Amino acid sequence: GVKAGGSIIQKGAVDSVLRANPGLDATPAADAL
């Protein structure tokens, strides 16, 4: 990914992205994903 303008954008395997962001797996967006 990239860090730019104060933001962090991550791209990768679904499980890896969810694991890198604790708590994200329990959100409605994760269910839709």
Full PDB file with SEQRES, HELIX, SHEET, SSBOND, CRYST1, ORIGX, SCALE, CONECT and MASTER records, all heavy atoms in Angstrom:
SEQRES   1 A   33  GLY VAL LYS ALA GLY GLY SER ILE ILE GLN LYS GLY ALA          
SEQRES   2 A   33  VAL ASP SER VAL LEU ARG ALA ASN PRO GLY LEU ASP ALA          
SEQRES   3 A   33  THR PRO ALA ALA ASP ALA LEU                                  
HELIX    1 AA1 VAL A   14  ALA A   20  1                                   7    
HELIX    2 AA2 LEU A   24  ALA A   26  5                                   3    
HELIX    3 AA3 PRO A   28  ALA A   32  1                                   5    
SHEET    1 AA1 2 VAL A   2  ALA A   4  0                                        
SHEET    2 AA1 2 SER A   7  ILE A   9 -1                                        
CRYST1    1.000    1.000    1.000  90.00  90.00  90.00 P 1           1          
ORIGX1      1.000000  0.000000  0.000000        0.00000                         
ORIGX2      0.000000  1.000000  0.000000        0.00000                         
ORIGX3      0.000000  0.000000  1.000000        0.00000                         
SCALE1      1.000000  0.000000  0.000000        0.00000                         
SCALE2      0.000000  1.000000  0.000000        0.00000                         
SCALE3      0.000000  0.000000  1.000000        0.00000                         
ATOM      1  N   GLY A   1       0.819  -1.210   0.000  1.00  0.00           N  
ATOM      2  CA  GLY A   1       0.000   0.000   0.000  1.00  0.00           C  
ATOM      3  C   GLY A   1       0.845   1.247   0.000  1.00  0.00           C  
ATOM      4  O   GLY A   1       1.987   1.249  -0.469  1.00  0.00           O  
ATOM      5  N   VAL A   2       0.263   2.332   0.577  1.00  0.00           N  
ATOM      6  CA  VAL A   2       0.949   3.614   0.541  1.00  0.00           C  
ATOM      7  C   VAL A   2       0.472   4.478   1.715  1.00  0.00           C  
ATOM      8  O   VAL A   2      -0.681   4.392   2.147  1.00  0.00           O  
ATOM      9  CB  VAL A   2       0.691   4.332  -0.807  1.00  0.00           C  
ATOM     10  CG1 VAL A   2      -0.782   4.674  -0.960  1.00  0.00           C  
ATOM     11  CG2 VAL A   2       1.555   5.572  -0.956  1.00  0.00           C  
ATOM     12  N   LYS A   3       1.388   5.305   2.235  1.00  0.00           N  
ATOM     13  CA  LYS A   3       1.050   6.333   3.216  1.00  0.00           C  
ATOM     14  C   LYS A   3       1.215   7.674   2.516  1.00  0.00           C  
ATOM     15  O   LYS A   3       2.308   8.025   2.069  1.00  0.00           O  
ATOM     16  CB  LYS A   3       1.985   6.256   4.424  1.00  0.00           C  
ATOM     17  CG  LYS A   3       1.852   4.976   5.240  1.00  0.00           C  
ATOM     18  CD  LYS A   3       2.834   4.973   6.418  1.00  0.00           C  
ATOM     19  CE  LYS A   3       2.736   3.685   7.215  1.00  0.00           C  
ATOM     20  NZ  LYS A   3       3.721   3.651   8.341  1.00  0.00           N  
ATOM     21  N   ALA A   4       0.116   8.402   2.401  1.00  0.00           N  
ATOM     22  CA  ALA A   4       0.162   9.677   1.678  1.00  0.00           C  
ATOM     23  C   ALA A   4      -0.871  10.630   2.254  1.00  0.00           C  
ATOM     24  O   ALA A   4      -2.019  10.235   2.516  1.00  0.00           O  
ATOM     25  CB  ALA A   4      -0.108   9.458   0.192  1.00  0.00           C  
ATOM     26  N   GLY A   5      -0.493  11.895   2.435  1.00  0.00           N  
ATOM     27  CA  GLY A   5      -1.423  12.924   2.903  1.00  0.00           C  
ATOM     28  C   GLY A   5      -2.051  12.607   4.242  1.00  0.00           C  
ATOM     29  O   GLY A   5      -3.215  12.953   4.475  1.00  0.00           O  
ATOM     30  N   GLY A   6      -1.310  11.940   5.110  1.00  0.00           N  
ATOM     31  CA  GLY A   6      -1.836  11.607   6.423  1.00  0.00           C  
ATOM     32  C   GLY A   6      -2.733  10.394   6.441  1.00  0.00           C  
ATOM     33  O   GLY A   6      -3.272  10.041   7.497  1.00  0.00           O  
ATOM     34  N   SER A   7      -2.956   9.744   5.311  1.00  0.00           N  
ATOM     35  CA  SER A   7      -3.805   8.554   5.240  1.00  0.00           C  
ATOM     36  C   SER A   7      -2.957   7.318   4.943  1.00  0.00           C  
ATOM     37  O   SER A   7      -1.882   7.400   4.326  1.00  0.00           O  
ATOM     38  CB  SER A   7      -4.875   8.708   4.154  1.00  0.00           C  
ATOM     39  OG  SER A   7      -5.776   9.735   4.478  1.00  0.00           O  
ATOM     40  N   ILE A   8      -3.495   6.165   5.378  1.00  0.00           N  
ATOM     41  CA  ILE A   8      -2.851   4.881   5.094  1.00  0.00           C  
ATOM     42  C   ILE A   8      -3.815   4.049   4.256  1.00  0.00           C  
ATOM     43  O   ILE A   8      -4.954   3.800   4.683  1.00  0.00           O  
ATOM     44  CB  ILE A   8      -2.501   4.123   6.389  1.00  0.00           C  
ATOM     45  CG1 ILE A   8      -1.508   4.923   7.226  1.00  0.00           C  
ATOM     46  CG2 ILE A   8      -1.920   2.747   6.060  1.00  0.00           C  
ATOM     47  CD1 ILE A   8      -1.174   4.258   8.563  1.00  0.00           C  
ATOM     48  N   ILE A   9      -3.376   3.647   3.061  1.00  0.00           N  
ATOM     49  CA  ILE A   9      -4.193   2.785   2.187  1.00  0.00           C  
ATOM     50  C   ILE A   9      -3.531   1.417   2.137  1.00  0.00           C  
ATOM     51  O   ILE A   9      -2.334   1.301   1.831  1.00  0.00           O  
ATOM     52  CB  ILE A   9      -4.315   3.373   0.767  1.00  0.00           C  
ATOM     53  CG1 ILE A   9      -4.930   4.776   0.825  1.00  0.00           C  
ATOM     54  CG2 ILE A   9      -5.152   2.454  -0.125  1.00  0.00           C  
ATOM     55  CD1 ILE A   9      -4.944   5.485  -0.526  1.00  0.00           C  
ATOM     56  N   GLN A  10      -4.305   0.390   2.440  1.00  0.00           N  
ATOM     57  CA  GLN A  10      -3.792  -0.983   2.464  1.00  0.00           C  
ATOM     58  C   GLN A  10      -4.513  -1.828   1.409  1.00  0.00           C  
ATOM     59  O   GLN A  10      -5.722  -1.709   1.220  1.00  0.00           O  
ATOM     60  CB  GLN A  10      -4.004  -1.603   3.850  1.00  0.00           C  
ATOM     61  CG  GLN A  10      -3.252  -0.890   4.962  1.00  0.00           C  
ATOM     62  CD  GLN A  10      -3.757  -1.322   6.331  1.00  0.00           C  
ATOM     63  OE1 GLN A  10      -4.973  -1.257   6.593  1.00  0.00           O  
ATOM     64  NE2 GLN A  10      -2.851  -1.755   7.187  1.00  0.00           N  
ATOM     65  N   LYS A  11      -3.750  -2.691   0.751  1.00  0.00           N  
ATOM     66  CA  LYS A  11      -4.297  -3.587  -0.273  1.00  0.00           C  
ATOM     67  C   LYS A  11      -3.658  -4.953  -0.080  1.00  0.00           C  
ATOM     68  O   LYS A  11      -2.438  -5.068   0.052  1.00  0.00           O  
ATOM     69  CB  LYS A  11      -3.964  -3.053  -1.671  1.00  0.00           C  
ATOM     70  CG  LYS A  11      -4.429  -3.937  -2.826  1.00  0.00           C  
ATOM     71  CD  LYS A  11      -3.783  -3.500  -4.139  1.00  0.00           C  
ATOM     72  CE  LYS A  11      -2.297  -3.849  -4.154  1.00  0.00           C  
ATOM     73  NZ  LYS A  11      -1.646  -3.511  -5.437  1.00  0.00           N  
ATOM     74  N   GLY A  12      -4.497  -6.011  -0.060  1.00  0.00           N  
ATOM     75  CA  GLY A  12      -3.928  -7.342   0.103  1.00  0.00           C  
ATOM     76  C   GLY A  12      -4.991  -8.403   0.284  1.00  0.00           C  
ATOM     77  O   GLY A  12      -6.186  -8.168   0.042  1.00  0.00           O  
ATOM     78  N   ALA A  13      -4.560  -9.579   0.710  1.00  0.00           N  
ATOM     79  CA  ALA A  13      -5.480 -10.680   0.947  1.00  0.00           C  
ATOM     80  C   ALA A  13      -6.503 -10.266   1.998  1.00  0.00           C  
ATOM     81  O   ALA A  13      -6.189  -9.528   2.943  1.00  0.00           O  
ATOM     82  CB  ALA A  13      -4.714 -11.912   1.407  1.00  0.00           C  
ATOM     83  N   VAL A  14      -7.741 -10.731   1.831  1.00  0.00           N  
ATOM     84  CA  VAL A  14      -8.839 -10.296   2.705  1.00  0.00           C  
ATOM     85  C   VAL A  14      -8.510 -10.564   4.166  1.00  0.00           C  
ATOM     86  O   VAL A  14      -8.623  -9.661   5.022  1.00  0.00           O  
ATOM     87  CB  VAL A  14     -10.150 -11.014   2.305  1.00  0.00           C  
ATOM     88  CG1 VAL A  14     -11.263 -10.679   3.308  1.00  0.00           C  
ATOM     89  CG2 VAL A  14     -10.565 -10.605   0.897  1.00  0.00           C  
ATOM     90  N   ASP A  15      -8.097 -11.770   4.503  1.00  0.00           N  
ATOM     91  CA  ASP A  15      -7.791 -12.102   5.900  1.00  0.00           C  
ATOM     92  C   ASP A  15      -6.660 -11.244   6.442  1.00  0.00           C  
ATOM     93  O   ASP A  15      -6.682 -10.845   7.617  1.00  0.00           O  
ATOM     94  CB  ASP A  15      -7.418 -13.585   6.017  1.00  0.00           C  
ATOM     95  CG  ASP A  15      -8.605 -14.501   5.757  1.00  0.00           C  
ATOM     96  OD1 ASP A  15      -9.752 -14.010   5.824  1.00  0.00           O  
ATOM     97  OD2 ASP A  15      -8.382 -15.701   5.479  1.00  0.00           O  
ATOM     98  N   SER A  16      -5.672 -10.945   5.589  1.00  0.00           N  
ATOM     99  CA  SER A  16      -4.528 -10.150   6.045  1.00  0.00           C  
ATOM    100  C   SER A  16      -4.937  -8.714   6.351  1.00  0.00           C  
ATOM    101  O   SER A  16      -4.481  -8.122   7.347  1.00  0.00           O  
ATOM    102  CB  SER A  16      -3.433 -10.171   4.972  1.00  0.00           C  
ATOM    103  OG  SER A  16      -2.982 -11.486   4.746  1.00  0.00           O  
ATOM    104  N   VAL A  17      -5.771  -8.126   5.491  1.00  0.00           N  
ATOM    105  CA  VAL A  17      -6.225  -6.751   5.728  1.00  0.00           C  
ATOM    106  C   VAL A  17      -7.069  -6.679   7.000  1.00  0.00           C  
ATOM    107  O   VAL A  17      -6.921  -5.746   7.815  1.00  0.00           O  
ATOM    108  CB  VAL A  17      -7.023  -6.230   4.510  1.00  0.00           C  
ATOM    109  CG1 VAL A  17      -7.698  -4.893   4.835  1.00  0.00           C  
ATOM    110  CG2 VAL A  17      -6.104  -6.075   3.306  1.00  0.00           C  
ATOM    111  N   LEU A  18      -7.952  -7.643   7.207  1.00  0.00           N  
ATOM    112  CA  LEU A  18      -8.777  -7.647   8.420  1.00  0.00           C  
ATOM    113  C   LEU A  18      -7.918  -7.852   9.665  1.00  0.00           C  
ATOM    114  O   LEU A  18      -8.155  -7.229  10.717  1.00  0.00           O  
ATOM    115  CB  LEU A  18      -9.835  -8.745   8.326  1.00  0.00           C  
ATOM    116  CG  LEU A  18     -10.922  -8.540   7.252  1.00  0.00           C  
ATOM    117  CD1 LEU A  18     -11.859  -9.738   7.194  1.00  0.00           C  
ATOM    118  CD2 LEU A  18     -11.718  -7.263   7.529  1.00  0.00           C  
ATOM    119  N   ARG A  19      -6.894  -8.700   9.552  1.00  0.00           N  
ATOM    120  CA  ARG A  19      -6.023  -8.962  10.702  1.00  0.00           C  
ATOM    121  C   ARG A  19      -5.181  -7.743  11.042  1.00  0.00           C  
ATOM    122  O   ARG A  19      -4.848  -7.498  12.213  1.00  0.00           O  
ATOM    123  CB  ARG A  19      -5.140 -10.166  10.391  1.00  0.00           C  
ATOM    124  CG  ARG A  19      -4.344 -10.666  11.574  1.00  0.00           C  
ATOM    125  CD  ARG A  19      -3.751 -12.059  11.348  1.00  0.00           C  
ATOM    126  NE  ARG A  19      -3.018 -12.146  10.084  1.00  0.00           N  
ATOM    127  CZ  ARG A  19      -3.415 -12.875   9.049  1.00  0.00           C  
ATOM    128  NH1 ARG A  19      -4.549 -13.577   9.126  1.00  0.00           N  
ATOM    129  NH2 ARG A  19      -2.705 -12.910   7.933  1.00  0.00           N  
ATOM    130  N   ALA A  20      -4.839  -6.949  10.025  1.00  0.00           N  
ATOM    131  CA  ALA A  20      -4.018  -5.761  10.259  1.00  0.00           C  
ATOM    132  C   ALA A  20      -4.818  -4.612  10.874  1.00  0.00           C  
ATOM    133  O   ALA A  20      -4.225  -3.613  11.312  1.00  0.00           O  
ATOM    134  CB  ALA A  20      -3.394  -5.297   8.942  1.00  0.00           C  
ATOM    135  N   ASN A  21      -6.136  -4.749  10.900  1.00  0.00           N  
ATOM    136  CA  ASN A  21      -7.010  -3.708  11.468  1.00  0.00           C  
ATOM    137  C   ASN A  21      -7.936  -4.347  12.500  1.00  0.00           C  
ATOM    138  O   ASN A  21      -9.078  -4.720  12.177  1.00  0.00           O  
ATOM    139  CB  ASN A  21      -7.828  -3.037  10.357  1.00  0.00           C  
ATOM    140  CG  ASN A  21      -6.964  -2.282   9.363  1.00  0.00           C  
ATOM    141  OD1 ASN A  21      -6.622  -1.126   9.576  1.00  0.00           O  
ATOM    142  ND2 ASN A  21      -6.606  -2.956   8.261  1.00  0.00           N  
ATOM    143  N   PRO A  22      -7.470  -4.500  13.756  1.00  0.00           N  
ATOM    144  CA  PRO A  22      -8.273  -5.175  14.798  1.00  0.00           C  
ATOM    145  C   PRO A  22      -9.644  -4.519  14.964  1.00  0.00           C  
ATOM    146  O   PRO A  22      -9.781  -3.295  14.944  1.00  0.00           O  
ATOM    147  CB  PRO A  22      -7.421  -4.998  16.064  1.00  0.00           C  
ATOM    148  CG  PRO A  22      -6.024  -4.822  15.553  1.00  0.00           C  
ATOM    149  CD  PRO A  22      -6.158  -4.076  14.251  1.00  0.00           C  
ATOM    150  N   GLY A  23     -10.666  -5.374  15.084  1.00  0.00           N  
ATOM    151  CA  GLY A  23     -12.028  -4.911  15.274  1.00  0.00           C  
ATOM    152  C   GLY A  23     -12.786  -4.727  13.981  1.00  0.00           C  
ATOM    153  O   GLY A  23     -14.019  -4.649  13.980  1.00  0.00           O  
ATOM    154  N   LEU A  24     -12.058  -4.657  12.856  1.00  0.00           N  
ATOM    155  CA  LEU A  24     -12.718  -4.434  11.577  1.00  0.00           C  
ATOM    156  C   LEU A  24     -13.547  -5.638  11.147  1.00  0.00           C  
ATOM    157  O   LEU A  24     -14.562  -5.492  10.455  1.00  0.00           O  
ATOM    158  CB  LEU A  24     -11.653  -4.121  10.509  1.00  0.00           C  
ATOM    159  CG  LEU A  24     -12.135  -3.431   9.224  1.00  0.00           C  
ATOM    160  CD1 LEU A  24     -12.839  -2.112   9.554  1.00  0.00           C  
ATOM    161  CD2 LEU A  24     -10.956  -3.185   8.293  1.00  0.00           C  
ATOM    162  N   ASP A  25     -13.140  -6.819  11.603  1.00  0.00           N  
ATOM    163  CA  ASP A  25     -13.823  -8.050  11.187  1.00  0.00           C  
ATOM    164  C   ASP A  25     -15.245  -8.132  11.719  1.00  0.00           C  
ATOM    165  O   ASP A  25     -16.077  -8.881  11.192  1.00  0.00           O  
ATOM    166  CB  ASP A  25     -13.015  -9.265  11.669  1.00  0.00           C  
ATOM    167  CG  ASP A  25     -13.437 -10.535  10.950  1.00  0.00           C  
ATOM    168  OD1 ASP A  25     -14.055 -10.432   9.873  1.00  0.00           O  
ATOM    169  OD2 ASP A  25     -13.158 -11.632  11.464  1.00  0.00           O  
ATOM    170  N   ALA A  26     -15.567  -7.370  12.775  1.00  0.00           N  
ATOM    171  CA  ALA A  26     -16.900  -7.448  13.386  1.00  0.00           C  
ATOM    172  C   ALA A  26     -17.864  -6.411  12.841  1.00  0.00           C  
ATOM    173  O   ALA A  26     -18.995  -6.289  13.324  1.00  0.00           O  
ATOM    174  CB  ALA A  26     -16.778  -7.279  14.908  1.00  0.00           C  
ATOM    175  N   THR A  27     -17.486  -5.667  11.827  1.00  0.00           N  
ATOM    176  CA  THR A  27     -18.326  -4.610  11.274  1.00  0.00           C  
ATOM    177  C   THR A  27     -19.222  -5.143  10.154  1.00  0.00           C  
ATOM    178  O   THR A  27     -18.919  -6.164   9.523  1.00  0.00           O  
ATOM    179  CB  THR A  27     -17.459  -3.470  10.711  1.00  0.00           C  
ATOM    180  OG1 THR A  27     -16.689  -3.989   9.625  1.00  0.00           O  
ATOM    181  CG2 THR A  27     -16.520  -2.918  11.788  1.00  0.00           C  
ATOM    182  N   PRO A  28     -20.355  -4.458   9.877  1.00  0.00           N  
ATOM    183  CA  PRO A  28     -21.219  -4.855   8.747  1.00  0.00           C  
ATOM    184  C   PRO A  28     -20.471  -4.846   7.418  1.00  0.00           C  
ATOM    185  O   PRO A  28     -20.741  -5.659   6.537  1.00  0.00           O  
ATOM    186  CB  PRO A  28     -22.334  -3.806   8.775  1.00  0.00           C  
ATOM    187  CG  PRO A  28     -22.375  -3.328  10.189  1.00  0.00           C  
ATOM    188  CD  PRO A  28     -20.948  -3.358  10.665  1.00  0.00           C  
ATOM    189  N   ALA A  29     -19.518  -3.936   7.275  1.00  0.00           N  
ATOM    190  CA  ALA A  29     -18.751  -3.877   6.028  1.00  0.00           C  
ATOM    191  C   ALA A  29     -17.952  -5.159   5.821  1.00  0.00           C  
ATOM    192  O   ALA A  29     -17.812  -5.645   4.691  1.00  0.00           O  
ATOM    193  CB  ALA A  29     -17.818  -2.663   6.044  1.00  0.00           C  
ATOM    194  N   ALA A  30     -17.441  -5.725   6.919  1.00  0.00           N  
ATOM    195  CA  ALA A  30     -16.685  -6.978   6.817  1.00  0.00           C  
ATOM    196  C   ALA A  30     -17.596  -8.123   6.389  1.00  0.00           C  
ATOM    197  O   ALA A  30     -17.198  -8.982   5.589  1.00  0.00           O  
ATOM    198  CB  ALA A  30     -16.010  -7.293   8.146  1.00  0.00           C  
ATOM    199  N   ASP A  31     -18.836  -8.134   6.929  1.00  0.00           N  
ATOM    200  CA  ASP A  31     -19.789  -9.176   6.514  1.00  0.00           C  
ATOM    201  C   ASP A  31     -20.084  -9.062   5.019  1.00  0.00           C  
ATOM    202  O   ASP A  31     -20.140 -10.074   4.300  1.00  0.00           O  
ATOM    203  CB  ASP A  31     -21.088  -9.036   7.314  1.00  0.00           C  
ATOM    204  CG  ASP A  31     -20.888  -9.361   8.791  1.00  0.00           C  
ATOM    205  OD1 ASP A  31     -19.925 -10.103   9.097  1.00  0.00           O  
ATOM    206  OD2 ASP A  31     -21.693  -8.884   9.608  1.00  0.00           O  
ATOM    207  N   ALA A  32     -20.281  -7.839   4.550  1.00  0.00           N  
ATOM    208  CA  ALA A  32     -20.539  -7.628   3.124  1.00  0.00           C  
ATOM    209  C   ALA A  32     -19.324  -8.038   2.290  1.00  0.00           C  
ATOM    210  O   ALA A  32     -19.458  -8.627   1.205  1.00  0.00           O  
ATOM    211  CB  ALA A  32     -20.885  -6.156   2.868  1.00  0.00           C  
ATOM    212  N   LEU A  33     -18.131  -7.745   2.820  1.00  0.00           N  
ATOM    213  CA  LEU A  33     -16.905  -8.119   2.106  1.00  0.00           C  
ATOM    214  C   LEU A  33     -16.785  -9.639   1.971  1.00  0.00           C  
ATOM    215  O   LEU A  33     -16.403 -10.151   0.911  1.00  0.00           O  
ATOM    216  CB  LEU A  33     -15.681  -7.548   2.825  1.00  0.00           C  
ATOM    217  CG  LEU A  33     -14.328  -7.819   2.153  1.00  0.00           C  
ATOM    218  CD1 LEU A  33     -14.249  -7.142   0.798  1.00  0.00           C  
ATOM    219  CD2 LEU A  33     -13.170  -7.344   3.053  1.00  0.00           C  
TER     220      LEU A  33                                                      
MASTER        0    0    0    3    2    0    0    6  219    1    0    3          
END                                                                             
